[in-house]
């Protein structure tokens, strides 16, 4: 997923000069990597005057350009659990042009047990004050066999959790709807990827 997401970041100049850690530490809700870290269940390792500590990605992003980094902290590592058999991922985002921020994006990681979704994490990009998880949608899908009806329920839950800023990329309704569409595509992609 990191490779696929990196290919969708900004433009070649940014991709060749920027860092994943810098993208995460910046806390920009429009950046790709914060939501990817949420979907990957990453741990952010920071060091400051009081020593080193680890923060789960799902508690790291607090608001627009606001993270759990304290004054004088520096992000020193990202820990991502190794993939095991039965795990798949998907990442889709809508943007107007190369180099533009996402209108909406959604990285998804799914763990399958046969046809059953054992676990799922759905990240959302640029549809709230910070990167967020669509936990209500995850709860709908977890322990279930994927179906159109469940996908529709998950889409509705995703729309409910969105609170995007209105800008030239679209209004709240459009961005929330596109977040659900991107998540649906990523869920299907992740399930197919997990099945091999």
N, C-alpha and C. Protein backbone atom coordinates (compact mmCIF):
# COMPACT_ATOMS: atom_id res chain seq x y z
N UNK A 1 0.81 -1.20 0.00
CA UNK A 1 0.00 0.00 0.00
C UNK A 1 0.86 1.26 0.00
N UNK A 2 1.98 1.24 0.70
CA UNK A 2 2.84 2.42 0.73
C UNK A 2 3.31 2.81 -0.67
N UNK A 3 3.67 1.80 -1.46
CA UNK A 3 4.13 2.08 -2.83
C UNK A 3 3.00 2.64 -3.67
N UNK A 4 1.83 2.00 -3.58
CA UNK A 4 0.68 2.48 -4.36
C UNK A 4 0.29 3.90 -3.96
N UNK A 5 0.28 4.16 -2.67
CA UNK A 5 -0.08 5.51 -2.20
C UNK A 5 0.96 6.53 -2.63
N UNK A 6 2.23 6.15 -2.55
CA UNK A 6 3.30 7.09 -2.91
C UNK A 6 3.21 7.50 -4.38
N UNK A 7 2.74 6.59 -5.22
CA UNK A 7 2.60 6.91 -6.64
C UNK A 7 1.51 7.95 -6.89
N UNK A 8 0.60 8.11 -5.94
CA UNK A 8 -0.50 9.06 -6.10
C UNK A 8 -0.25 10.39 -5.41
N UNK A 9 0.86 10.51 -4.70
CA UNK A 9 1.17 11.74 -3.97
C UNK A 9 1.62 12.83 -4.94
N UNK A 10 0.98 13.95 -4.87
CA UNK A 10 1.41 15.19 -5.53
C UNK A 10 1.95 14.97 -6.93
N UNK A 11 3.22 15.30 -7.12
CA UNK A 11 3.85 15.22 -8.43
C UNK A 11 5.25 14.64 -8.26
N UNK A 12 5.97 14.34 -9.37
CA UNK A 12 7.29 13.70 -9.23
C UNK A 12 8.28 14.48 -8.37
N UNK A 13 8.24 15.80 -8.42
CA UNK A 13 9.18 16.58 -7.62
C UNK A 13 8.95 16.33 -6.13
N UNK A 14 7.71 16.37 -5.71
CA UNK A 14 7.39 16.14 -4.30
C UNK A 14 7.70 14.69 -3.92
N UNK A 15 7.35 13.75 -4.78
CA UNK A 15 7.59 12.33 -4.48
C UNK A 15 9.07 12.03 -4.33
N UNK A 16 9.91 12.75 -5.03
CA UNK A 16 11.35 12.49 -4.96
C UNK A 16 12.07 13.29 -3.88
N UNK A 17 11.44 14.26 -3.27
CA UNK A 17 12.09 15.08 -2.25
C UNK A 17 11.43 14.97 -0.87
N UNK A 18 10.14 14.73 -0.84
CA UNK A 18 9.43 14.64 0.43
C UNK A 18 9.67 13.30 1.10
N UNK A 19 9.30 13.21 2.37
CA UNK A 19 9.43 11.96 3.11
C UNK A 19 8.07 11.55 3.66
N UNK A 20 7.90 10.26 3.87
CA UNK A 20 6.66 9.76 4.47
C UNK A 20 6.52 10.31 5.89
N UNK A 21 7.62 10.28 6.65
CA UNK A 21 7.59 10.79 8.02
C UNK A 21 7.21 12.26 8.07
N UNK A 22 7.75 13.04 7.16
CA UNK A 22 7.41 14.46 7.11
C UNK A 22 5.95 14.68 6.78
N UNK A 23 5.44 13.86 5.86
CA UNK A 23 4.03 13.94 5.48
C UNK A 23 3.14 13.63 6.68
N UNK A 24 3.52 12.61 7.44
CA UNK A 24 2.74 12.20 8.62
C UNK A 24 2.83 13.27 9.71
N UNK A 25 4.03 13.74 10.00
CA UNK A 25 4.24 14.71 11.08
C UNK A 25 3.54 16.04 10.79
N UNK A 26 3.38 16.39 9.52
CA UNK A 26 2.76 17.65 9.13
C UNK A 26 1.28 17.71 9.53
N UNK A 27 0.61 16.56 9.51
CA UNK A 27 -0.78 16.51 9.95
C UNK A 27 -1.78 17.20 9.03
N UNK A 28 -1.44 17.34 7.77
CA UNK A 28 -2.34 17.96 6.80
C UNK A 28 -3.44 16.95 6.44
N UNK A 29 -4.71 17.29 6.63
CA UNK A 29 -5.79 16.35 6.32
C UNK A 29 -5.86 15.97 4.85
N UNK A 30 -5.26 16.79 3.98
CA UNK A 30 -5.28 16.51 2.55
C UNK A 30 -4.14 15.62 2.09
N UNK A 31 -3.16 15.37 2.95
CA UNK A 31 -2.03 14.51 2.58
C UNK A 31 -2.45 13.05 2.61
N UNK A 32 -1.80 12.25 1.79
CA UNK A 32 -2.16 10.84 1.65
C UNK A 32 -1.71 9.97 2.82
N UNK A 33 -0.50 10.17 3.28
CA UNK A 33 0.08 9.22 4.23
C UNK A 33 -0.58 9.16 5.61
N UNK A 34 -1.15 10.23 6.15
CA UNK A 34 -1.82 10.07 7.44
C UNK A 34 -2.93 9.00 7.42
N UNK A 35 -3.80 9.05 6.43
CA UNK A 35 -4.87 8.04 6.35
C UNK A 35 -4.31 6.66 6.06
N UNK A 36 -3.24 6.60 5.28
CA UNK A 36 -2.59 5.31 5.01
C UNK A 36 -2.04 4.72 6.31
N UNK A 37 -1.46 5.56 7.17
CA UNK A 37 -0.96 5.07 8.46
C UNK A 37 -2.09 4.54 9.32
N UNK A 38 -3.25 5.19 9.27
CA UNK A 38 -4.42 4.70 10.00
C UNK A 38 -4.84 3.32 9.50
N UNK A 39 -4.91 3.17 8.19
CA UNK A 39 -5.33 1.89 7.61
C UNK A 39 -4.31 0.79 7.90
N UNK A 40 -3.03 1.14 7.92
CA UNK A 40 -1.98 0.14 8.17
C UNK A 40 -1.78 -0.14 9.66
N UNK A 41 -2.52 0.56 10.52
CA UNK A 41 -2.40 0.38 11.97
C UNK A 41 -0.97 0.66 12.43
N UNK A 42 -0.39 1.71 11.90
CA UNK A 42 1.00 2.07 12.19
C UNK A 42 1.16 2.62 13.60
N UNK A 43 2.37 2.55 14.07
CA UNK A 43 2.77 3.18 15.32
C UNK A 43 3.80 4.25 14.98
N UNK A 44 3.62 5.44 15.51
CA UNK A 44 4.54 6.55 15.25
C UNK A 44 5.48 6.66 16.45
N UNK A 45 6.77 6.61 16.16
CA UNK A 45 7.79 6.70 17.21
C UNK A 45 8.34 8.12 17.21
N UNK A 46 8.26 8.76 18.37
CA UNK A 46 8.76 10.14 18.49
C UNK A 46 9.76 10.22 19.63
N UNK A 47 10.64 11.18 19.50
CA UNK A 47 11.63 11.43 20.55
C UNK A 47 11.64 12.91 20.87
N UNK A 48 11.73 13.21 22.16
CA UNK A 48 11.77 14.59 22.62
C UNK A 48 12.63 14.70 23.85
N UNK A 49 12.59 15.85 24.51
CA UNK A 49 13.41 16.08 25.69
C UNK A 49 13.17 15.07 26.81
N UNK A 50 11.96 14.51 26.85
CA UNK A 50 11.63 13.55 27.90
C UNK A 50 11.80 12.10 27.47
N UNK A 51 12.47 11.90 26.34
CA UNK A 51 12.73 10.53 25.88
C UNK A 51 11.89 10.14 24.68
N UNK A 52 11.85 8.85 24.45
CA UNK A 52 11.17 8.29 23.28
C UNK A 52 9.83 7.69 23.70
N UNK A 53 8.84 7.84 22.81
CA UNK A 53 7.54 7.21 23.07
C UNK A 53 6.92 6.79 21.75
N UNK A 54 5.94 5.90 21.87
CA UNK A 54 5.24 5.38 20.70
C UNK A 54 3.77 5.76 20.80
N UNK A 55 3.22 6.21 19.66
CA UNK A 55 1.83 6.66 19.61
C UNK A 55 1.15 5.92 18.46
N UNK A 56 0.01 5.32 18.72
CA UNK A 56 -0.71 4.66 17.64
C UNK A 56 -1.21 5.71 16.65
N UNK A 57 -1.24 5.35 15.39
CA UNK A 57 -1.70 6.29 14.36
C UNK A 57 -3.12 6.76 14.65
N UNK A 58 -3.94 5.88 15.22
CA UNK A 58 -5.33 6.24 15.48
C UNK A 58 -5.49 7.19 16.66
N UNK A 59 -4.42 7.63 17.24
CA UNK A 59 -4.48 8.67 18.26
C UNK A 59 -3.52 9.81 17.99
N UNK A 60 -2.85 9.75 16.86
CA UNK A 60 -1.80 10.71 16.53
C UNK A 60 -2.36 11.98 15.87
N UNK A 61 -3.36 11.84 15.03
CA UNK A 61 -3.89 12.98 14.26
C UNK A 61 -5.05 13.60 15.04
N UNK A 62 -4.89 14.86 15.42
CA UNK A 62 -5.84 15.51 16.33
C UNK A 62 -6.68 16.59 15.67
N UNK A 63 -6.21 17.17 14.59
CA UNK A 63 -6.92 18.24 13.90
C UNK A 63 -6.08 18.72 12.73
N UNK A 64 -6.52 19.78 12.09
CA UNK A 64 -5.80 20.30 10.94
C UNK A 64 -4.41 20.79 11.35
N UNK A 65 -3.40 20.18 10.79
CA UNK A 65 -1.99 20.47 11.11
C UNK A 65 -1.69 20.29 12.60
N UNK A 66 -2.44 19.44 13.26
CA UNK A 66 -2.29 19.24 14.70
C UNK A 66 -2.17 17.75 14.97
N UNK A 67 -1.04 17.36 15.55
CA UNK A 67 -0.79 15.96 15.87
C UNK A 67 -0.41 15.84 17.34
N UNK A 68 -0.14 14.63 17.77
CA UNK A 68 0.25 14.37 19.15
C UNK A 68 1.72 14.73 19.41
N UNK A 69 2.42 15.26 18.40
CA UNK A 69 3.78 15.73 18.63
C UNK A 69 3.76 16.91 19.60
N UNK A 70 4.60 16.85 20.61
CA UNK A 70 4.72 17.96 21.55
C UNK A 70 5.88 18.86 21.14
N UNK A 71 5.94 20.02 21.75
CA UNK A 71 7.02 20.95 21.42
C UNK A 71 8.37 20.26 21.61
N UNK A 72 9.24 20.40 20.66
CA UNK A 72 10.59 19.84 20.65
C UNK A 72 10.62 18.34 20.34
N UNK A 73 9.48 17.72 20.01
CA UNK A 73 9.46 16.32 19.58
C UNK A 73 9.87 16.23 18.12
N UNK A 74 10.40 15.09 17.75
CA UNK A 74 10.67 14.80 16.36
C UNK A 74 10.23 13.37 16.07
N UNK A 75 9.61 13.18 14.93
CA UNK A 75 9.21 11.84 14.51
C UNK A 75 10.46 11.13 14.03
N UNK A 76 10.75 9.96 14.61
CA UNK A 76 11.98 9.25 14.24
C UNK A 76 11.74 7.94 13.51
N UNK A 77 10.54 7.39 13.61
CA UNK A 77 10.28 6.11 12.93
C UNK A 77 8.78 5.87 12.80
N UNK A 78 8.44 5.07 11.82
CA UNK A 78 7.08 4.57 11.65
C UNK A 78 7.15 3.05 11.69
N UNK A 79 6.39 2.44 12.56
CA UNK A 79 6.35 0.98 12.66
C UNK A 79 5.04 0.51 12.03
N UNK A 80 5.19 -0.37 11.05
CA UNK A 80 4.03 -0.90 10.34
C UNK A 80 4.05 -2.41 10.49
N UNK A 81 2.96 -3.00 11.01
CA UNK A 81 2.94 -4.46 11.16
C UNK A 81 3.17 -5.16 9.82
N UNK A 82 3.93 -6.24 9.86
CA UNK A 82 4.20 -7.02 8.64
C UNK A 82 2.91 -7.65 8.14
N UNK A 83 2.77 -7.68 6.83
CA UNK A 83 1.60 -8.32 6.26
C UNK A 83 1.73 -9.83 6.39
N UNK A 84 0.60 -10.47 6.62
CA UNK A 84 0.56 -11.92 6.69
C UNK A 84 -0.44 -12.43 5.67
N UNK A 85 -0.46 -13.73 5.42
CA UNK A 85 -1.42 -14.26 4.44
C UNK A 85 -2.85 -13.89 4.82
N UNK A 86 -3.65 -13.62 3.80
CA UNK A 86 -5.04 -13.27 4.03
C UNK A 86 -5.29 -11.78 4.19
N UNK A 87 -4.22 -10.99 4.12
CA UNK A 87 -4.36 -9.54 4.24
C UNK A 87 -4.26 -8.90 2.84
N UNK A 88 -5.15 -7.97 2.57
CA UNK A 88 -5.12 -7.25 1.31
C UNK A 88 -5.36 -5.78 1.56
N UNK A 89 -5.05 -4.98 0.57
CA UNK A 89 -5.20 -3.54 0.71
C UNK A 89 -5.72 -2.94 -0.59
N UNK A 90 -6.25 -1.75 -0.44
CA UNK A 90 -6.68 -0.97 -1.60
C UNK A 90 -6.54 0.50 -1.27
N UNK A 91 -6.26 1.29 -2.27
CA UNK A 91 -6.21 2.75 -2.07
C UNK A 91 -6.71 3.44 -3.32
N UNK A 92 -7.72 4.26 -3.13
CA UNK A 92 -8.27 5.03 -4.23
C UNK A 92 -8.49 6.46 -3.77
N UNK A 93 -8.22 7.39 -4.66
CA UNK A 93 -8.50 8.79 -4.34
C UNK A 93 -8.92 9.52 -5.61
N UNK A 94 -9.72 10.52 -5.38
CA UNK A 94 -10.18 11.37 -6.48
C UNK A 94 -9.45 12.69 -6.36
N UNK A 95 -8.81 13.11 -7.44
CA UNK A 95 -8.20 14.44 -7.48
C UNK A 95 -8.43 15.02 -8.86
N UNK A 96 -8.41 16.33 -8.93
CA UNK A 96 -8.73 17.01 -10.19
C UNK A 96 -7.62 16.90 -11.21
N UNK A 97 -6.37 16.98 -10.72
CA UNK A 97 -5.24 16.95 -11.65
C UNK A 97 -4.00 16.49 -10.90
N UNK A 98 -2.97 16.13 -11.64
CA UNK A 98 -1.71 15.72 -11.04
C UNK A 98 -1.18 16.82 -10.14
N UNK A 99 -0.77 16.43 -8.94
CA UNK A 99 -0.21 17.38 -8.01
C UNK A 99 -1.23 18.00 -7.08
N UNK A 100 -2.52 17.75 -7.33
CA UNK A 100 -3.56 18.34 -6.51
C UNK A 100 -3.83 17.46 -5.30
N UNK A 101 -4.34 18.09 -4.23
CA UNK A 101 -4.80 17.33 -3.08
C UNK A 101 -6.02 16.51 -3.48
N UNK A 102 -6.27 15.46 -2.74
CA UNK A 102 -7.44 14.64 -2.99
C UNK A 102 -8.72 15.41 -2.69
N UNK A 103 -9.72 15.24 -3.52
CA UNK A 103 -11.06 15.67 -3.17
C UNK A 103 -11.52 14.77 -2.01
N UNK A 104 -11.23 13.48 -2.16
CA UNK A 104 -11.47 12.48 -1.12
C UNK A 104 -10.63 11.26 -1.46
N UNK A 105 -10.18 10.56 -0.44
CA UNK A 105 -9.41 9.34 -0.66
C UNK A 105 -9.67 8.36 0.45
N UNK A 106 -9.39 7.08 0.16
CA UNK A 106 -9.62 6.06 1.17
C UNK A 106 -8.67 4.88 1.00
N UNK A 107 -7.72 4.74 1.94
CA UNK A 107 -6.94 3.51 2.00
C UNK A 107 -7.66 2.50 2.89
N UNK A 108 -7.63 1.24 2.49
CA UNK A 108 -8.30 0.17 3.24
C UNK A 108 -7.36 -1.02 3.36
N UNK A 109 -7.32 -1.59 4.56
CA UNK A 109 -6.62 -2.86 4.79
C UNK A 109 -7.64 -3.83 5.35
N UNK A 110 -7.68 -5.02 4.77
CA UNK A 110 -8.63 -6.04 5.19
C UNK A 110 -7.91 -7.35 5.46
N UNK A 111 -8.35 -8.05 6.49
CA UNK A 111 -7.85 -9.40 6.77
C UNK A 111 -9.01 -10.36 6.57
N UNK A 112 -8.83 -11.30 5.66
CA UNK A 112 -9.89 -12.24 5.31
C UNK A 112 -9.65 -13.60 5.96
N UNK A 113 -10.74 -14.26 6.30
CA UNK A 113 -10.74 -15.66 6.76
C UNK A 113 -11.72 -16.37 5.85
N UNK A 114 -11.20 -16.90 4.75
CA UNK A 114 -12.08 -17.41 3.70
C UNK A 114 -12.83 -16.27 3.08
N UNK A 115 -14.18 -16.33 3.15
CA UNK A 115 -15.01 -15.25 2.61
C UNK A 115 -15.42 -14.24 3.68
N UNK A 116 -14.98 -14.46 4.91
CA UNK A 116 -15.36 -13.59 6.02
C UNK A 116 -14.31 -12.50 6.22
N UNK A 117 -14.77 -11.28 6.41
CA UNK A 117 -13.87 -10.17 6.73
C UNK A 117 -13.57 -10.26 8.23
N UNK A 118 -12.39 -10.78 8.55
CA UNK A 118 -12.00 -10.93 9.95
C UNK A 118 -11.74 -9.56 10.59
N UNK A 119 -11.04 -8.71 9.86
CA UNK A 119 -10.75 -7.36 10.36
C UNK A 119 -10.63 -6.42 9.18
N UNK A 120 -10.90 -5.14 9.43
CA UNK A 120 -10.83 -4.13 8.37
C UNK A 120 -10.54 -2.78 9.01
N UNK A 121 -9.72 -2.00 8.32
CA UNK A 121 -9.45 -0.61 8.72
C UNK A 121 -9.64 0.26 7.49
N UNK A 122 -10.47 1.28 7.64
CA UNK A 122 -10.80 2.19 6.54
C UNK A 122 -10.35 3.59 6.92
N UNK A 123 -9.35 4.11 6.23
CA UNK A 123 -8.90 5.48 6.43
C UNK A 123 -9.60 6.42 5.46
N UNK A 124 -9.70 7.68 5.85
CA UNK A 124 -10.31 8.69 4.98
C UNK A 124 -9.42 9.92 4.91
N UNK A 125 -9.20 10.39 3.70
CA UNK A 125 -8.33 11.53 3.43
C UNK A 125 -9.16 12.74 3.00
N UNK A 126 -8.88 13.88 3.62
CA UNK A 126 -9.40 15.19 3.22
C UNK A 126 -10.91 15.35 3.33
N UNK A 127 -11.52 14.63 4.27
CA UNK A 127 -12.96 14.79 4.47
C UNK A 127 -13.30 15.10 5.93
N UNK A 128 -12.30 15.55 6.68
CA UNK A 128 -12.49 15.97 8.08
C UNK A 128 -11.32 16.87 8.43
N UNK A 129 -11.28 17.33 9.67
CA UNK A 129 -10.20 18.22 10.10
C UNK A 129 -8.84 17.51 10.13
N UNK A 130 -8.87 16.19 10.15
CA UNK A 130 -7.63 15.40 10.08
C UNK A 130 -7.98 14.06 9.44
N UNK A 131 -6.97 13.28 9.14
CA UNK A 131 -7.21 11.93 8.64
C UNK A 131 -7.98 11.16 9.71
N UNK A 132 -8.99 10.41 9.29
CA UNK A 132 -9.83 9.69 10.25
C UNK A 132 -10.05 8.26 9.80
N UNK A 133 -10.48 7.43 10.76
CA UNK A 133 -10.93 6.08 10.46
C UNK A 133 -12.45 6.08 10.41
N UNK A 134 -12.99 5.30 9.52
CA UNK A 134 -14.44 5.12 9.40
C UNK A 134 -14.83 3.90 10.24
N UNK A 135 -14.76 4.07 11.55
CA UNK A 135 -14.92 2.93 12.46
C UNK A 135 -16.33 2.34 12.44
N UNK A 136 -17.36 3.15 12.27
CA UNK A 136 -18.72 2.61 12.19
C UNK A 136 -18.87 1.73 10.95
N UNK A 137 -18.27 2.15 9.84
CA UNK A 137 -18.31 1.34 8.61
C UNK A 137 -17.52 0.05 8.81
N UNK A 138 -16.39 0.14 9.50
CA UNK A 138 -15.60 -1.06 9.80
C UNK A 138 -16.43 -2.06 10.60
N UNK A 139 -17.17 -1.56 11.59
CA UNK A 139 -17.99 -2.43 12.44
C UNK A 139 -19.09 -3.13 11.63
N UNK A 140 -19.62 -2.45 10.63
CA UNK A 140 -20.65 -3.05 9.77
C UNK A 140 -20.08 -4.22 8.99
N UNK A 141 -18.84 -4.11 8.53
CA UNK A 141 -18.24 -5.12 7.65
C UNK A 141 -17.52 -6.24 8.40
N UNK A 142 -16.99 -5.93 9.58
CA UNK A 142 -16.20 -6.91 10.33
C UNK A 142 -17.05 -8.13 10.68
N UNK A 143 -16.50 -9.32 10.38
CA UNK A 143 -17.19 -10.58 10.69
C UNK A 143 -18.23 -10.98 9.67
N UNK A 144 -18.30 -10.25 8.56
CA UNK A 144 -19.33 -10.49 7.55
C UNK A 144 -18.71 -10.93 6.22
N UNK A 145 -19.56 -11.48 5.37
CA UNK A 145 -19.20 -11.76 3.98
C UNK A 145 -19.62 -10.55 3.16
N UNK A 146 -18.71 -10.05 2.33
CA UNK A 146 -18.97 -8.83 1.57
C UNK A 146 -20.16 -9.02 0.64
N UNK A 147 -21.06 -8.04 0.64
CA UNK A 147 -22.22 -8.05 -0.24
C UNK A 147 -22.53 -6.61 -0.63
N UNK A 148 -23.34 -6.45 -1.66
CA UNK A 148 -23.73 -5.10 -2.09
C UNK A 148 -24.49 -4.38 -0.98
N UNK A 149 -25.35 -5.10 -0.26
CA UNK A 149 -26.12 -4.49 0.81
C UNK A 149 -25.20 -3.98 1.93
N UNK A 150 -24.22 -4.79 2.31
CA UNK A 150 -23.27 -4.37 3.35
C UNK A 150 -22.42 -3.20 2.88
N UNK A 151 -22.01 -3.22 1.62
CA UNK A 151 -21.24 -2.10 1.08
C UNK A 151 -22.05 -0.81 1.12
N UNK A 152 -23.32 -0.90 0.81
CA UNK A 152 -24.19 0.29 0.84
C UNK A 152 -24.32 0.81 2.28
N UNK A 153 -24.48 -0.10 3.25
CA UNK A 153 -24.54 0.31 4.64
C UNK A 153 -23.23 0.99 5.07
N UNK A 154 -22.10 0.41 4.64
CA UNK A 154 -20.80 0.99 4.97
C UNK A 154 -20.64 2.36 4.34
N UNK A 155 -21.08 2.50 3.08
CA UNK A 155 -21.03 3.80 2.42
C UNK A 155 -21.81 4.86 3.19
N UNK A 156 -22.99 4.50 3.65
CA UNK A 156 -23.81 5.44 4.42
C UNK A 156 -23.11 5.84 5.71
N UNK A 157 -22.47 4.87 6.37
CA UNK A 157 -21.74 5.17 7.61
C UNK A 157 -20.55 6.08 7.33
N UNK A 158 -19.92 5.91 6.18
CA UNK A 158 -18.78 6.76 5.81
C UNK A 158 -19.27 8.19 5.56
N UNK A 159 -20.36 8.32 4.85
CA UNK A 159 -20.91 9.66 4.59
C UNK A 159 -21.23 10.36 5.91
N UNK A 160 -21.76 9.62 6.87
CA UNK A 160 -22.12 10.20 8.17
C UNK A 160 -20.92 10.74 8.94
N UNK A 161 -19.77 10.09 8.82
CA UNK A 161 -18.59 10.49 9.61
C UNK A 161 -17.84 11.66 8.95
N UNK A 162 -18.09 11.92 7.69
CA UNK A 162 -17.38 12.98 6.97
C UNK A 162 -17.85 14.37 7.40
N UNK A 163 -16.91 15.27 7.48
CA UNK A 163 -17.18 16.68 7.77
C UNK A 163 -16.17 17.53 7.00
N UNK A 164 -16.24 17.47 5.67
CA UNK A 164 -15.21 18.14 4.86
C UNK A 164 -15.38 19.65 4.80
N UNK A 165 -14.27 20.31 4.56
CA UNK A 165 -14.29 21.76 4.32
C UNK A 165 -14.79 22.00 2.90
N UNK A 166 -15.57 23.03 2.75
CA UNK A 166 -16.06 23.41 1.43
C UNK A 166 -14.98 24.27 0.77
N UNK A 167 -14.63 23.91 -0.46
CA UNK A 167 -13.64 24.68 -1.22
C UNK A 167 -13.92 24.49 -2.70
N UNK A 168 -12.97 24.87 -3.54
CA UNK A 168 -13.17 24.78 -4.99
C UNK A 168 -13.29 23.35 -5.49
N UNK A 169 -12.90 22.36 -4.66
CA UNK A 169 -13.01 20.96 -5.06
C UNK A 169 -14.42 20.42 -4.88
N UNK A 170 -15.26 21.12 -4.09
CA UNK A 170 -16.63 20.66 -3.93
C UNK A 170 -17.24 21.02 -2.60
N UNK A 171 -18.53 20.77 -2.51
CA UNK A 171 -19.25 21.05 -1.26
C UNK A 171 -19.22 19.80 -0.38
N UNK A 172 -19.85 19.91 0.81
CA UNK A 172 -19.83 18.82 1.78
C UNK A 172 -20.47 17.55 1.23
N UNK A 173 -21.61 17.70 0.59
CA UNK A 173 -22.34 16.53 0.08
C UNK A 173 -21.52 15.79 -0.98
N UNK A 174 -20.93 16.53 -1.91
CA UNK A 174 -20.13 15.93 -2.98
C UNK A 174 -18.91 15.22 -2.41
N UNK A 175 -18.16 15.88 -1.54
CA UNK A 175 -16.95 15.29 -0.99
C UNK A 175 -17.26 14.05 -0.14
N UNK A 176 -18.32 14.13 0.65
CA UNK A 176 -18.71 12.98 1.48
C UNK A 176 -19.11 11.80 0.60
N UNK A 177 -19.88 12.09 -0.44
CA UNK A 177 -20.28 11.02 -1.37
C UNK A 177 -19.06 10.40 -2.05
N UNK A 178 -18.12 11.24 -2.47
CA UNK A 178 -16.92 10.72 -3.14
C UNK A 178 -16.04 9.93 -2.18
N UNK A 179 -16.02 10.29 -0.90
CA UNK A 179 -15.29 9.51 0.09
C UNK A 179 -15.88 8.09 0.16
N UNK A 180 -17.21 8.01 0.15
CA UNK A 180 -17.86 6.70 0.18
C UNK A 180 -17.57 5.90 -1.08
N UNK A 181 -17.54 6.55 -2.23
CA UNK A 181 -17.23 5.87 -3.49
C UNK A 181 -15.79 5.37 -3.48
N UNK A 182 -14.86 6.21 -3.05
CA UNK A 182 -13.46 5.80 -2.99
C UNK A 182 -13.26 4.65 -2.01
N UNK A 183 -13.96 4.70 -0.87
CA UNK A 183 -13.86 3.63 0.12
C UNK A 183 -14.42 2.33 -0.43
N UNK A 184 -15.55 2.42 -1.11
CA UNK A 184 -16.15 1.21 -1.71
C UNK A 184 -15.16 0.55 -2.67
N UNK A 185 -14.56 1.35 -3.53
CA UNK A 185 -13.58 0.80 -4.48
C UNK A 185 -12.40 0.18 -3.75
N UNK A 186 -11.94 0.84 -2.69
CA UNK A 186 -10.79 0.33 -1.94
C UNK A 186 -11.13 -0.95 -1.19
N UNK A 187 -12.34 -1.05 -0.66
CA UNK A 187 -12.77 -2.26 0.05
C UNK A 187 -12.79 -3.43 -0.92
N UNK A 188 -13.40 -3.24 -2.07
CA UNK A 188 -13.46 -4.31 -3.08
C UNK A 188 -12.06 -4.69 -3.52
N UNK A 189 -11.22 -3.71 -3.77
CA UNK A 189 -9.83 -3.95 -4.17
C UNK A 189 -9.08 -4.72 -3.08
N UNK A 190 -9.26 -4.34 -1.82
CA UNK A 190 -8.57 -4.99 -0.72
C UNK A 190 -9.00 -6.45 -0.56
N UNK A 191 -10.28 -6.71 -0.69
CA UNK A 191 -10.79 -8.08 -0.58
C UNK A 191 -10.24 -8.92 -1.72
N UNK A 192 -10.25 -8.40 -2.93
CA UNK A 192 -9.69 -9.14 -4.07
C UNK A 192 -8.20 -9.39 -3.89
N UNK A 193 -7.49 -8.37 -3.38
CA UNK A 193 -6.05 -8.48 -3.13
C UNK A 193 -5.77 -9.55 -2.08
N UNK A 194 -6.59 -9.62 -1.03
CA UNK A 194 -6.40 -10.60 0.03
C UNK A 194 -6.62 -12.02 -0.46
N UNK A 195 -7.51 -12.17 -1.41
CA UNK A 195 -7.79 -13.50 -1.96
C UNK A 195 -6.73 -13.97 -2.96
N UNK A 196 -5.83 -13.03 -3.32
CA UNK A 196 -4.72 -13.40 -4.20
C UNK A 196 -5.07 -13.28 -5.63
